[in-house]
Amino acid sequence: MILSRLQSLLGQINDVEPPLDVSTYLVTDAAAVQDWQQAARSATDETLYLREQGDCLELSLYVDASVLARLEAADPFERITDDNLQDCCTALEGVSHLLYMAWNAVRGRGVSLLELETQAEVDKFAALLVLAGELGDGGAEELHARLFGYVRFADGLSAEQLARYQAANRFAARFCGRLARRWLRGSPPRHAGLFQDLRQFYRLPHARKLACASV
């Protein structure tokens, strides 16, 4: 399953053991989450739903079945193209949200929505670098421009949601740009340093993570 493979990839990049199996929490039927989407005032191809019940955190990840079908037909592990890039970003974002929320929950750490979105943007950049085999300067700069420079936000967002997504994009763009300049310029690129910084960033608590990304 494509989401399980993306889960493994993000686990390897961030050097974390995923605390759950994404397939167990996956919902792909839009009709099944219609009421949830109305309550959340959103209707997107990917949404993480969560509910706190006492000491328990209930999680469900919705990724539309059409996204997964297109990714199975155009496997991003074989090749990243203009045709599968957006669907791959959608899937990566959902997997990142679920794993990061669960990873922090088992450690008793809360996660803000801005922190969650910022980590997902960083995860997408890192995973796409690996998938595209672009761990050199030119490819990293092009990917950075595509992910952060030409972004378009969904219609119908509230002012609060739009501000959060814009901030997450801005913070992740700064952090990922800094990584690319530090580790991927020159020949050969220094991949060990890149992954070390990504893994340290993943583990930073809320305030330090956002401070690091906003520099």
N, C-alpha and C. Protein backbone atom coordinates (compact mmCIF):
# COMPACT_ATOMS: atom_id res chain seq x y z
N MET A 1 0.84 -1.20 0.00
CA MET A 1 0.00 0.00 0.00
C MET A 1 0.87 1.24 0.00
N ILE A 2 0.51 2.22 -0.82
CA ILE A 2 1.36 3.39 -1.00
C ILE A 2 1.55 4.18 0.29
N LEU A 3 0.50 4.32 1.11
CA LEU A 3 0.65 5.09 2.35
C LEU A 3 1.58 4.40 3.34
N SER A 4 1.55 3.09 3.39
CA SER A 4 2.47 2.36 4.27
C SER A 4 3.92 2.56 3.82
N ARG A 5 4.13 2.61 2.53
CA ARG A 5 5.49 2.84 2.02
C ARG A 5 5.95 4.27 2.32
N LEU A 6 5.04 5.22 2.22
CA LEU A 6 5.39 6.60 2.58
C LEU A 6 5.64 6.72 4.08
N GLN A 7 4.89 5.98 4.88
CA GLN A 7 5.14 5.95 6.32
C GLN A 7 6.54 5.44 6.62
N SER A 8 6.94 4.37 5.95
CA SER A 8 8.29 3.83 6.16
C SER A 8 9.35 4.84 5.73
N LEU A 9 9.11 5.54 4.64
CA LEU A 9 10.07 6.53 4.15
C LEU A 9 10.25 7.65 5.17
N LEU A 10 9.14 8.19 5.69
CA LEU A 10 9.25 9.27 6.67
C LEU A 10 9.90 8.78 7.96
N GLY A 11 9.63 7.53 8.33
CA GLY A 11 10.29 6.97 9.50
C GLY A 11 11.79 6.89 9.32
N GLN A 12 12.24 6.50 8.14
CA GLN A 12 13.67 6.42 7.85
C GLN A 12 14.32 7.79 7.81
N ILE A 13 13.66 8.75 7.17
CA ILE A 13 14.22 10.09 7.07
C ILE A 13 14.41 10.70 8.45
N ASN A 14 13.40 10.56 9.31
CA ASN A 14 13.45 11.19 10.63
C ASN A 14 14.01 10.28 11.71
N ASP A 15 14.39 9.05 11.32
CA ASP A 15 14.95 8.08 12.25
C ASP A 15 14.04 7.85 13.45
N VAL A 16 12.76 7.60 13.14
CA VAL A 16 11.80 7.29 14.20
C VAL A 16 11.09 6.00 13.83
N GLU A 17 10.73 5.25 14.84
CA GLU A 17 9.92 4.05 14.65
C GLU A 17 8.46 4.48 14.68
N PRO A 18 7.74 4.36 13.57
CA PRO A 18 6.34 4.79 13.55
C PRO A 18 5.56 4.09 14.66
N PRO A 19 4.81 4.84 15.49
CA PRO A 19 4.11 4.25 16.63
C PRO A 19 2.81 3.56 16.23
N LEU A 20 2.47 3.57 14.95
CA LEU A 20 1.23 2.94 14.49
C LEU A 20 1.38 2.61 13.01
N ASP A 21 0.39 1.90 12.50
CA ASP A 21 0.33 1.56 11.08
C ASP A 21 -0.75 2.42 10.45
N VAL A 22 -0.36 3.24 9.51
CA VAL A 22 -1.29 4.20 8.93
C VAL A 22 -2.52 3.53 8.35
N SER A 23 -2.37 2.33 7.82
CA SER A 23 -3.51 1.66 7.18
C SER A 23 -4.63 1.35 8.17
N THR A 24 -4.29 1.20 9.45
CA THR A 24 -5.29 0.90 10.47
C THR A 24 -6.21 2.09 10.72
N TYR A 25 -5.73 3.29 10.47
CA TYR A 25 -6.48 4.50 10.79
C TYR A 25 -7.02 5.20 9.54
N LEU A 26 -6.91 4.54 8.42
CA LEU A 26 -7.23 5.16 7.14
C LEU A 26 -8.71 5.02 6.79
N VAL A 27 -9.29 6.13 6.32
CA VAL A 27 -10.64 6.16 5.76
C VAL A 27 -10.51 6.75 4.36
N THR A 28 -11.11 6.11 3.36
CA THR A 28 -10.98 6.59 1.98
C THR A 28 -12.32 6.96 1.34
N ASP A 29 -13.41 6.66 2.02
CA ASP A 29 -14.74 6.92 1.47
C ASP A 29 -15.21 8.30 1.88
N ALA A 30 -15.40 9.19 0.92
CA ALA A 30 -15.81 10.56 1.22
C ALA A 30 -17.15 10.61 1.94
N ALA A 31 -18.06 9.70 1.60
CA ALA A 31 -19.37 9.68 2.25
C ALA A 31 -19.25 9.38 3.74
N ALA A 32 -18.24 8.57 4.10
CA ALA A 32 -18.07 8.17 5.50
C ALA A 32 -17.64 9.32 6.39
N VAL A 33 -17.03 10.34 5.82
CA VAL A 33 -16.53 11.47 6.62
C VAL A 33 -17.28 12.77 6.29
N GLN A 34 -18.40 12.66 5.61
CA GLN A 34 -19.13 13.86 5.21
C GLN A 34 -19.52 14.70 6.41
N ASP A 35 -20.04 14.06 7.44
CA ASP A 35 -20.43 14.80 8.65
C ASP A 35 -19.21 15.41 9.34
N TRP A 36 -18.11 14.67 9.35
CA TRP A 36 -16.89 15.20 9.96
C TRP A 36 -16.41 16.44 9.20
N GLN A 37 -16.44 16.38 7.88
CA GLN A 37 -15.98 17.50 7.08
C GLN A 37 -16.85 18.72 7.29
N GLN A 38 -18.14 18.52 7.42
CA GLN A 38 -19.03 19.64 7.67
C GLN A 38 -18.74 20.27 9.02
N ALA A 39 -18.46 19.44 10.00
CA ALA A 39 -18.14 19.95 11.33
C ALA A 39 -16.82 20.70 11.32
N ALA A 40 -15.88 20.22 10.50
CA ALA A 40 -14.57 20.86 10.41
C ALA A 40 -14.55 22.01 9.41
N ARG A 41 -15.68 22.20 8.71
CA ARG A 41 -15.81 23.25 7.69
C ARG A 41 -14.74 23.11 6.61
N SER A 42 -14.48 21.86 6.21
CA SER A 42 -13.49 21.62 5.17
C SER A 42 -13.93 20.43 4.33
N ALA A 43 -13.53 20.44 3.09
CA ALA A 43 -13.83 19.32 2.19
C ALA A 43 -12.63 19.17 1.27
N THR A 44 -11.61 18.49 1.78
CA THR A 44 -10.37 18.33 1.05
C THR A 44 -10.10 16.85 0.80
N ASP A 45 -9.07 16.58 0.02
CA ASP A 45 -8.71 15.20 -0.28
C ASP A 45 -7.96 14.53 0.86
N GLU A 46 -7.56 15.30 1.87
CA GLU A 46 -6.79 14.74 2.99
C GLU A 46 -7.12 15.53 4.24
N THR A 47 -7.48 14.84 5.31
CA THR A 47 -7.74 15.49 6.59
C THR A 47 -7.45 14.52 7.72
N LEU A 48 -6.77 15.01 8.75
CA LEU A 48 -6.58 14.23 9.97
C LEU A 48 -7.67 14.64 10.96
N TYR A 49 -8.43 13.66 11.41
CA TYR A 49 -9.48 13.91 12.41
C TYR A 49 -9.02 13.34 13.74
N LEU A 50 -9.22 14.11 14.79
CA LEU A 50 -8.83 13.63 16.11
C LEU A 50 -9.84 14.07 17.15
N ARG A 51 -9.92 13.27 18.21
CA ARG A 51 -10.82 13.56 19.33
C ARG A 51 -10.20 13.04 20.60
N GLU A 52 -10.18 13.88 21.61
CA GLU A 52 -9.66 13.48 22.91
C GLU A 52 -10.80 12.98 23.78
N GLN A 53 -10.63 11.79 24.34
CA GLN A 53 -11.59 11.18 25.25
C GLN A 53 -10.84 10.83 26.53
N GLY A 54 -10.88 11.73 27.50
CA GLY A 54 -10.12 11.51 28.73
C GLY A 54 -8.64 11.47 28.42
N ASP A 55 -7.99 10.34 28.75
CA ASP A 55 -6.56 10.19 28.49
C ASP A 55 -6.29 9.60 27.10
N CYS A 56 -7.35 9.34 26.34
CA CYS A 56 -7.20 8.69 25.03
C CYS A 56 -7.31 9.72 23.91
N LEU A 57 -6.53 9.48 22.86
CA LEU A 57 -6.60 10.30 21.66
C LEU A 57 -7.04 9.41 20.51
N GLU A 58 -8.20 9.72 19.94
CA GLU A 58 -8.73 8.95 18.82
C GLU A 58 -8.34 9.64 17.51
N LEU A 59 -7.81 8.86 16.57
CA LEU A 59 -7.30 9.42 15.32
C LEU A 59 -7.91 8.70 14.12
N SER A 60 -8.19 9.45 13.09
CA SER A 60 -8.58 8.88 11.80
C SER A 60 -7.97 9.76 10.71
N LEU A 61 -7.41 9.12 9.70
CA LEU A 61 -6.84 9.85 8.57
C LEU A 61 -7.69 9.59 7.33
N TYR A 62 -8.24 10.65 6.79
CA TYR A 62 -8.99 10.53 5.54
C TYR A 62 -8.09 10.94 4.37
N VAL A 63 -7.94 10.04 3.41
CA VAL A 63 -7.31 10.35 2.12
C VAL A 63 -8.26 9.81 1.06
N ASP A 64 -8.68 10.66 0.16
CA ASP A 64 -9.67 10.26 -0.82
C ASP A 64 -9.18 9.09 -1.67
N ALA A 65 -10.08 8.16 -1.92
CA ALA A 65 -9.73 6.96 -2.67
C ALA A 65 -9.16 7.27 -4.04
N SER A 66 -9.61 8.36 -4.66
CA SER A 66 -9.12 8.70 -6.00
C SER A 66 -7.65 9.08 -5.97
N VAL A 67 -7.20 9.71 -4.88
CA VAL A 67 -5.79 10.06 -4.74
C VAL A 67 -4.94 8.80 -4.69
N LEU A 68 -5.37 7.84 -3.89
CA LEU A 68 -4.61 6.60 -3.75
C LEU A 68 -4.61 5.79 -5.04
N ALA A 69 -5.73 5.80 -5.75
CA ALA A 69 -5.80 5.07 -7.02
C ALA A 69 -4.83 5.65 -8.04
N ARG A 70 -4.77 6.98 -8.10
CA ARG A 70 -3.84 7.60 -9.05
C ARG A 70 -2.39 7.33 -8.67
N LEU A 71 -2.09 7.29 -7.38
CA LEU A 71 -0.72 7.01 -6.95
C LEU A 71 -0.33 5.56 -7.20
N GLU A 72 -1.28 4.66 -7.08
CA GLU A 72 -0.99 3.26 -7.41
C GLU A 72 -0.71 3.11 -8.90
N ALA A 73 -1.37 3.92 -9.71
CA ALA A 73 -1.16 3.85 -11.16
C ALA A 73 0.11 4.58 -11.60
N ALA A 74 0.51 5.60 -10.84
CA ALA A 74 1.72 6.37 -11.15
C ALA A 74 2.57 6.43 -9.90
N ASP A 75 3.26 5.35 -9.62
CA ASP A 75 3.98 5.13 -8.37
C ASP A 75 5.09 6.16 -8.18
N PRO A 76 5.01 7.00 -7.14
CA PRO A 76 6.07 7.99 -6.91
C PRO A 76 7.40 7.37 -6.52
N PHE A 77 7.39 6.12 -6.08
CA PHE A 77 8.66 5.46 -5.75
C PHE A 77 9.41 5.05 -7.02
N GLU A 78 8.72 5.03 -8.12
CA GLU A 78 9.37 4.77 -9.40
C GLU A 78 9.80 6.06 -10.08
N ARG A 79 8.94 7.07 -10.01
CA ARG A 79 9.27 8.34 -10.66
C ARG A 79 8.33 9.43 -10.17
N ILE A 80 8.90 10.61 -9.86
CA ILE A 80 8.10 11.79 -9.55
C ILE A 80 7.92 12.60 -10.83
N THR A 81 6.67 12.88 -11.17
CA THR A 81 6.37 13.64 -12.39
C THR A 81 5.36 14.74 -12.07
N ASP A 82 5.11 15.58 -13.05
CA ASP A 82 4.07 16.60 -12.89
C ASP A 82 2.71 15.97 -12.64
N ASP A 83 2.51 14.75 -13.13
CA ASP A 83 1.21 14.09 -13.02
C ASP A 83 0.94 13.53 -11.62
N ASN A 84 1.99 13.15 -10.90
CA ASN A 84 1.74 12.55 -9.58
C ASN A 84 2.26 13.39 -8.41
N LEU A 85 2.86 14.53 -8.70
CA LEU A 85 3.46 15.34 -7.62
C LEU A 85 2.41 15.81 -6.62
N GLN A 86 1.31 16.36 -7.09
CA GLN A 86 0.30 16.89 -6.17
C GLN A 86 -0.33 15.78 -5.33
N ASP A 87 -0.64 14.66 -5.94
CA ASP A 87 -1.20 13.54 -5.19
C ASP A 87 -0.19 13.02 -4.17
N CYS A 88 1.07 12.99 -4.54
CA CYS A 88 2.09 12.53 -3.60
C CYS A 88 2.19 13.49 -2.41
N CYS A 89 2.11 14.79 -2.68
CA CYS A 89 2.13 15.78 -1.60
C CYS A 89 0.93 15.60 -0.67
N THR A 90 -0.24 15.35 -1.25
CA THR A 90 -1.44 15.12 -0.45
C THR A 90 -1.27 13.92 0.47
N ALA A 91 -0.78 12.82 -0.08
CA ALA A 91 -0.58 11.61 0.71
C ALA A 91 0.49 11.81 1.79
N LEU A 92 1.58 12.44 1.43
CA LEU A 92 2.66 12.69 2.39
C LEU A 92 2.18 13.56 3.54
N GLU A 93 1.39 14.56 3.22
CA GLU A 93 0.90 15.45 4.27
C GLU A 93 0.04 14.68 5.27
N GLY A 94 -0.85 13.83 4.76
CA GLY A 94 -1.69 13.06 5.67
C GLY A 94 -0.89 12.11 6.54
N VAL A 95 0.05 11.40 5.94
CA VAL A 95 0.88 10.47 6.70
C VAL A 95 1.72 11.21 7.73
N SER A 96 2.28 12.35 7.34
CA SER A 96 3.07 13.15 8.27
C SER A 96 2.22 13.59 9.46
N HIS A 97 1.02 14.10 9.19
CA HIS A 97 0.14 14.54 10.27
C HIS A 97 -0.14 13.41 11.26
N LEU A 98 -0.50 12.24 10.74
CA LEU A 98 -0.86 11.13 11.61
C LEU A 98 0.34 10.67 12.43
N LEU A 99 1.47 10.49 11.79
CA LEU A 99 2.65 9.98 12.49
C LEU A 99 3.17 10.97 13.52
N TYR A 100 3.20 12.26 13.16
CA TYR A 100 3.75 13.24 14.09
C TYR A 100 2.84 13.40 15.31
N MET A 101 1.54 13.41 15.08
CA MET A 101 0.61 13.50 16.20
C MET A 101 0.76 12.29 17.12
N ALA A 102 0.81 11.09 16.54
CA ALA A 102 0.93 9.87 17.35
C ALA A 102 2.28 9.80 18.06
N TRP A 103 3.36 10.18 17.36
CA TRP A 103 4.70 10.12 17.95
C TRP A 103 4.78 11.02 19.19
N ASN A 104 4.18 12.19 19.11
CA ASN A 104 4.18 13.10 20.26
C ASN A 104 3.22 12.62 21.35
N ALA A 105 2.09 12.05 20.94
CA ALA A 105 1.11 11.61 21.94
C ALA A 105 1.68 10.53 22.86
N VAL A 106 2.42 9.59 22.30
CA VAL A 106 2.97 8.51 23.14
C VAL A 106 4.05 9.04 24.08
N ARG A 107 4.52 10.25 23.83
CA ARG A 107 5.51 10.89 24.70
C ARG A 107 4.87 11.94 25.61
N GLY A 108 3.57 12.01 25.57
CA GLY A 108 2.86 12.94 26.44
C GLY A 108 3.06 14.39 26.06
N ARG A 109 3.36 14.64 24.79
CA ARG A 109 3.61 16.01 24.33
C ARG A 109 2.45 16.49 23.46
N GLY A 110 1.98 17.70 23.74
CA GLY A 110 0.96 18.30 22.91
C GLY A 110 1.54 18.84 21.62
N VAL A 111 0.69 19.03 20.63
CA VAL A 111 1.11 19.53 19.32
C VAL A 111 0.13 20.62 18.88
N SER A 112 0.65 21.77 18.52
CA SER A 112 -0.22 22.82 17.99
C SER A 112 -0.48 22.56 16.51
N LEU A 113 -1.55 23.14 15.99
CA LEU A 113 -1.86 22.97 14.58
C LEU A 113 -0.78 23.58 13.70
N LEU A 114 -0.21 24.70 14.13
CA LEU A 114 0.86 25.32 13.34
C LEU A 114 2.09 24.43 13.31
N GLU A 115 2.42 23.84 14.44
CA GLU A 115 3.56 22.91 14.49
C GLU A 115 3.32 21.71 13.59
N LEU A 116 2.10 21.18 13.63
CA LEU A 116 1.74 20.02 12.81
C LEU A 116 1.90 20.33 11.33
N GLU A 117 1.40 21.49 10.91
CA GLU A 117 1.48 21.87 9.49
C GLU A 117 2.92 22.16 9.07
N THR A 118 3.69 22.79 9.94
CA THR A 118 5.08 23.10 9.62
C THR A 118 5.89 21.82 9.43
N GLN A 119 5.70 20.86 10.33
CA GLN A 119 6.42 19.59 10.20
C GLN A 119 6.03 18.87 8.92
N ALA A 120 4.75 18.93 8.55
CA ALA A 120 4.31 18.27 7.33
C ALA A 120 4.96 18.89 6.10
N GLU A 121 5.12 20.21 6.09
CA GLU A 121 5.77 20.87 4.95
C GLU A 121 7.24 20.45 4.85
N VAL A 122 7.91 20.34 5.99
CA VAL A 122 9.30 19.90 5.99
C VAL A 122 9.39 18.44 5.55
N ASP A 123 8.48 17.62 6.04
CA ASP A 123 8.48 16.20 5.65
C ASP A 123 8.27 16.04 4.15
N LYS A 124 7.38 16.83 3.57
CA LYS A 124 7.14 16.74 2.12
C LYS A 124 8.41 17.08 1.35
N PHE A 125 9.08 18.13 1.74
CA PHE A 125 10.31 18.53 1.05
C PHE A 125 11.35 17.42 1.14
N ALA A 126 11.57 16.89 2.34
CA ALA A 126 12.59 15.86 2.54
C ALA A 126 12.24 14.58 1.77
N ALA A 127 10.99 14.15 1.86
CA ALA A 127 10.59 12.91 1.19
C ALA A 127 10.68 13.04 -0.33
N LEU A 128 10.29 14.17 -0.86
CA LEU A 128 10.34 14.36 -2.31
C LEU A 128 11.78 14.47 -2.81
N LEU A 129 12.67 15.01 -2.00
CA LEU A 129 14.09 15.00 -2.35
C LEU A 129 14.57 13.57 -2.56
N VAL A 130 14.20 12.71 -1.62
CA VAL A 130 14.62 11.32 -1.69
C VAL A 130 13.96 10.61 -2.87
N LEU A 131 12.65 10.77 -3.00
CA LEU A 131 11.92 10.08 -4.06
C LEU A 131 12.39 10.50 -5.45
N ALA A 132 12.69 11.79 -5.60
CA ALA A 132 13.11 12.28 -6.91
C ALA A 132 14.59 12.06 -7.15
N GLY A 133 15.32 11.63 -6.12
CA GLY A 133 16.76 11.44 -6.27
C GLY A 133 17.50 12.75 -6.47
N GLU A 134 16.91 13.85 -5.95
CA GLU A 134 17.49 15.17 -6.17
C GLU A 134 18.16 15.66 -4.90
N LEU A 135 19.19 14.96 -4.49
CA LEU A 135 19.90 15.36 -3.28
C LEU A 135 21.13 16.20 -3.59
N GLY A 136 21.08 16.89 -4.71
CA GLY A 136 22.12 17.84 -5.07
C GLY A 136 21.54 19.24 -5.12
N ASP A 137 22.37 20.22 -5.37
CA ASP A 137 21.98 21.62 -5.26
C ASP A 137 20.88 22.00 -6.23
N GLY A 138 21.06 21.74 -7.52
CA GLY A 138 20.10 22.20 -8.51
C GLY A 138 18.72 21.62 -8.31
N GLY A 139 18.64 20.32 -8.07
CA GLY A 139 17.35 19.68 -7.88
C GLY A 139 16.66 20.16 -6.62
N ALA A 140 17.42 20.38 -5.56
CA ALA A 140 16.83 20.86 -4.31
C ALA A 140 16.26 22.26 -4.47
N GLU A 141 16.95 23.12 -5.19
CA GLU A 141 16.46 24.47 -5.39
C GLU A 141 15.18 24.48 -6.22
N GLU A 142 15.13 23.64 -7.24
CA GLU A 142 13.93 23.57 -8.06
C GLU A 142 12.75 23.04 -7.26
N LEU A 143 12.97 21.99 -6.47
CA LEU A 143 11.91 21.44 -5.65
C LEU A 143 11.44 22.47 -4.62
N HIS A 144 12.37 23.18 -4.03
CA HIS A 144 12.02 24.21 -3.04
C HIS A 144 11.12 25.26 -3.67
N ALA A 145 11.44 25.68 -4.87
CA ALA A 145 10.62 26.68 -5.55
C ALA A 145 9.22 26.15 -5.83
N ARG A 146 9.13 24.89 -6.22
CA ARG A 146 7.82 24.32 -6.56
C ARG A 146 6.95 24.15 -5.32
N LEU A 147 7.55 23.74 -4.23
CA LEU A 147 6.76 23.50 -3.02
C LEU A 147 6.40 24.78 -2.29
N PHE A 148 7.31 25.73 -2.26
CA PHE A 148 7.11 26.90 -1.41
C PHE A 148 6.91 28.21 -2.18
N GLY A 149 7.35 28.24 -3.43
CA GLY A 149 7.27 29.50 -4.17
C GLY A 149 6.01 29.65 -4.98
N TYR A 150 5.41 28.53 -5.37
CA TYR A 150 4.23 28.59 -6.24
C TYR A 150 3.02 27.99 -5.55
N VAL A 151 2.94 28.16 -4.24
CA VAL A 151 1.88 27.55 -3.47
C VAL A 151 0.56 28.27 -3.69
N ARG A 152 -0.51 27.50 -3.71
CA ARG A 152 -1.86 28.04 -3.83
C ARG A 152 -2.73 27.39 -2.76
N PHE A 153 -3.39 28.21 -1.96
CA PHE A 153 -4.17 27.69 -0.85
C PHE A 153 -5.61 27.43 -1.27
N ALA A 154 -6.22 26.45 -0.63
CA ALA A 154 -7.57 26.04 -0.98
C ALA A 154 -8.57 27.17 -0.75
N ASP A 155 -9.60 27.17 -1.55
CA ASP A 155 -10.69 28.13 -1.36
C ASP A 155 -11.49 27.74 -0.12
N GLY A 156 -12.16 28.71 0.45
CA GLY A 156 -13.07 28.43 1.56
C GLY A 156 -12.42 28.34 2.93
N LEU A 157 -11.13 28.64 3.02
CA LEU A 157 -10.48 28.60 4.32
C LEU A 157 -10.91 29.80 5.16
N SER A 158 -11.03 29.59 6.46
CA SER A 158 -11.28 30.71 7.35
C SER A 158 -10.01 31.57 7.43
N ALA A 159 -10.16 32.78 7.93
CA ALA A 159 -8.99 33.65 8.08
C ALA A 159 -7.93 33.02 8.98
N GLU A 160 -8.39 32.33 10.02
CA GLU A 160 -7.45 31.67 10.93
C GLU A 160 -6.72 30.54 10.24
N GLN A 161 -7.45 29.72 9.48
CA GLN A 161 -6.82 28.62 8.76
C GLN A 161 -5.82 29.12 7.73
N LEU A 162 -6.21 30.14 6.97
CA LEU A 162 -5.31 30.68 5.94
C LEU A 162 -4.04 31.22 6.57
N ALA A 163 -4.18 31.94 7.67
CA ALA A 163 -2.99 32.50 8.34
C ALA A 163 -2.07 31.38 8.82
N ARG A 164 -2.66 30.29 9.31
CA ARG A 164 -1.85 29.17 9.80
C ARG A 164 -1.10 28.49 8.66
N TYR A 165 -1.79 28.23 7.56
CA TYR A 165 -1.14 27.58 6.42
C TYR A 165 -0.05 28.47 5.82
N GLN A 166 -0.31 29.76 5.77
CA GLN A 166 0.69 30.68 5.24
C GLN A 166 1.92 30.71 6.14
N ALA A 167 1.71 30.72 7.45
CA ALA A 167 2.83 30.73 8.38
C ALA A 167 3.63 29.44 8.29
N ALA A 168 2.94 28.29 8.21
CA ALA A 168 3.63 27.01 8.09
C ALA A 168 4.47 26.96 6.82
N ASN A 169 3.90 27.44 5.72
CA ASN A 169 4.64 27.47 4.46
C ASN A 169 5.87 28.36 4.58
N ARG A 170 5.71 29.50 5.21
CA ARG A 170 6.82 30.44 5.36
C ARG A 170 7.93 29.86 6.25
N PHE A 171 7.55 29.29 7.38
CA PHE A 171 8.54 28.72 8.30
C PHE A 171 9.29 27.56 7.64
N ALA A 172 8.54 26.65 7.01
CA ALA A 172 9.18 25.49 6.39
C ALA A 172 10.07 25.91 5.23
N ALA A 173 9.64 26.93 4.47
CA ALA A 173 10.46 27.41 3.36
C ALA A 173 11.81 27.92 3.85
N ARG A 174 11.79 28.64 4.95
CA ARG A 174 13.04 29.16 5.51
C ARG A 174 13.94 28.03 5.98
N PHE A 175 13.35 27.08 6.72
CA PHE A 175 14.16 25.99 7.27
C PHE A 175 14.72 25.12 6.16
N CYS A 176 13.88 24.72 5.21
CA CYS A 176 14.33 23.84 4.13
C CYS A 176 15.33 24.55 3.21
N GLY A 177 15.13 25.83 2.98
CA GLY A 177 16.08 26.59 2.19
C GLY A 177 17.44 26.65 2.86
N ARG A 178 17.41 26.80 4.18
CA ARG A 178 18.67 26.84 4.93
C ARG A 178 19.38 25.48 4.86
N LEU A 179 18.61 24.40 4.96
CA LEU A 179 19.21 23.07 4.86
C LEU A 179 19.86 22.87 3.49
N ALA A 180 19.13 23.25 2.44
CA ALA A 180 19.66 23.05 1.08
C ALA A 180 20.94 23.84 0.87
N ARG A 181 20.96 25.07 1.35
CA ARG A 181 22.17 25.90 1.19
C ARG A 181 23.34 25.33 2.00
N ARG A 182 23.04 24.81 3.18
CA ARG A 182 24.11 24.35 4.06
C ARG A 182 24.70 23.02 3.61
N TRP A 183 23.82 22.08 3.19
CA TRP A 183 24.27 20.71 2.97
C TRP A 183 24.28 20.25 1.52
N LEU A 184 23.56 20.91 0.65
CA LEU A 184 23.42 20.39 -0.71
C LEU A 184 24.13 21.23 -1.76
N ARG A 185 24.77 22.27 -1.36
CA ARG A 185 25.59 23.02 -2.30
C ARG A 185 27.00 22.43 -2.35
N GLY A 186 27.59 22.51 -3.50
CA GLY A 186 28.94 21.97 -3.65
C GLY A 186 28.90 20.52 -4.06
N SER A 187 30.05 19.98 -4.29
CA SER A 187 30.15 18.60 -4.75
C SER A 187 31.24 17.89 -3.94
N PRO A 188 30.90 16.77 -3.32
CA PRO A 188 29.57 16.14 -3.30
C PRO A 188 28.69 16.77 -2.21
N PRO A 189 27.35 16.66 -2.33
CA PRO A 189 26.48 17.13 -1.26
C PRO A 189 26.70 16.32 0.01
N ARG A 190 26.45 16.93 1.14
CA ARG A 190 26.71 16.27 2.43
C ARG A 190 25.39 15.77 3.02
N HIS A 191 25.01 14.59 2.59
CA HIS A 191 23.70 14.06 2.97
C HIS A 191 23.61 13.77 4.46
N ALA A 192 24.69 13.34 5.09
CA ALA A 192 24.64 12.99 6.51
C ALA A 192 24.23 14.20 7.34
N GLY A 193 24.77 15.36 7.03
CA GLY A 193 24.42 16.56 7.76
C GLY A 193 22.98 16.96 7.54
N LEU A 194 22.50 16.79 6.31
CA LEU A 194 21.11 17.10 6.00
C LEU A 194 20.16 16.27 6.87
N PHE A 195 20.37 14.97 6.90
CA PHE A 195 19.46 14.11 7.65
C PHE A 195 19.61 14.31 9.16
N GLN A 196 20.81 14.64 9.60
CA GLN A 196 20.99 14.92 11.03
C GLN A 196 20.16 16.13 11.45
N ASP A 197 20.17 17.18 10.64
CA ASP A 197 19.38 18.37 10.97
C ASP A 197 17.89 18.09 10.90
N LEU A 198 17.46 17.31 9.92
CA LEU A 198 16.05 16.96 9.83
C LEU A 198 15.60 16.18 11.07
N ARG A 199 16.42 15.27 11.54
CA ARG A 199 16.06 14.45 12.70
C ARG A 199 16.05 15.26 13.99
N GLN A 200 16.97 16.20 14.11
CA GLN A 200 16.96 17.08 15.28
C GLN A 200 15.72 17.97 15.27
N PHE A 201 15.37 18.49 14.10
CA PHE A 201 14.20 19.35 13.98
C PHE A 201 12.93 18.59 14.37
N TYR A 202 12.81 17.36 13.94
CA TYR A 202 11.63 16.55 14.23
C TYR A 202 11.39 16.44 15.73
N ARG A 203 12.46 16.35 16.50
CA ARG A 203 12.36 16.10 17.93
C ARG A 203 12.23 17.37 18.76
N LEU A 204 12.35 18.52 18.17
CA LEU A 204 12.27 19.76 18.94
C LEU A 204 10.86 19.97 19.47
N PRO A 205 10.73 20.43 20.73
CA PRO A 205 9.39 20.77 21.24
C PRO A 205 8.86 22.01 20.54
N HIS A 206 7.58 22.24 20.74
CA HIS A 206 6.82 23.24 19.98
C HIS A 206 7.54 24.59 19.82
N ALA A 207 7.85 25.26 20.90
CA ALA A 207 8.40 26.62 20.81
C ALA A 207 9.75 26.62 20.12
N ARG A 208 10.58 25.65 20.43
CA ARG A 208 11.92 25.61 19.80
C ARG A 208 11.83 25.26 18.33
N LYS A 209 10.87 24.40 17.96
CA LYS A 209 10.72 24.04 16.55
C LYS A 209 10.34 25.27 15.72
N LEU A 210 9.36 26.02 16.19
CA LEU A 210 8.91 27.18 15.44
C LEU A 210 9.97 28.28 15.44
N ALA A 211 10.70 28.41 16.55
CA ALA A 211 11.78 29.39 16.59
C ALA A 211 12.88 29.03 15.60
N CYS A 212 13.21 27.73 15.54
CA CYS A 212 14.23 27.27 14.60
C CYS A 212 13.80 27.50 13.15
N ALA A 213 12.52 27.25 12.86
CA ALA A 213 12.03 27.38 11.49
C ALA A 213 11.85 28.83 11.07
N SER A 214 11.66 29.73 12.02
CA SER A 214 11.34 31.11 11.67
C SER A 214 12.57 31.99 11.50
N VAL A 215 13.75 31.45 11.76
CA VAL A 215 14.98 32.24 11.64
C VAL A 215 15.20 32.67 10.20
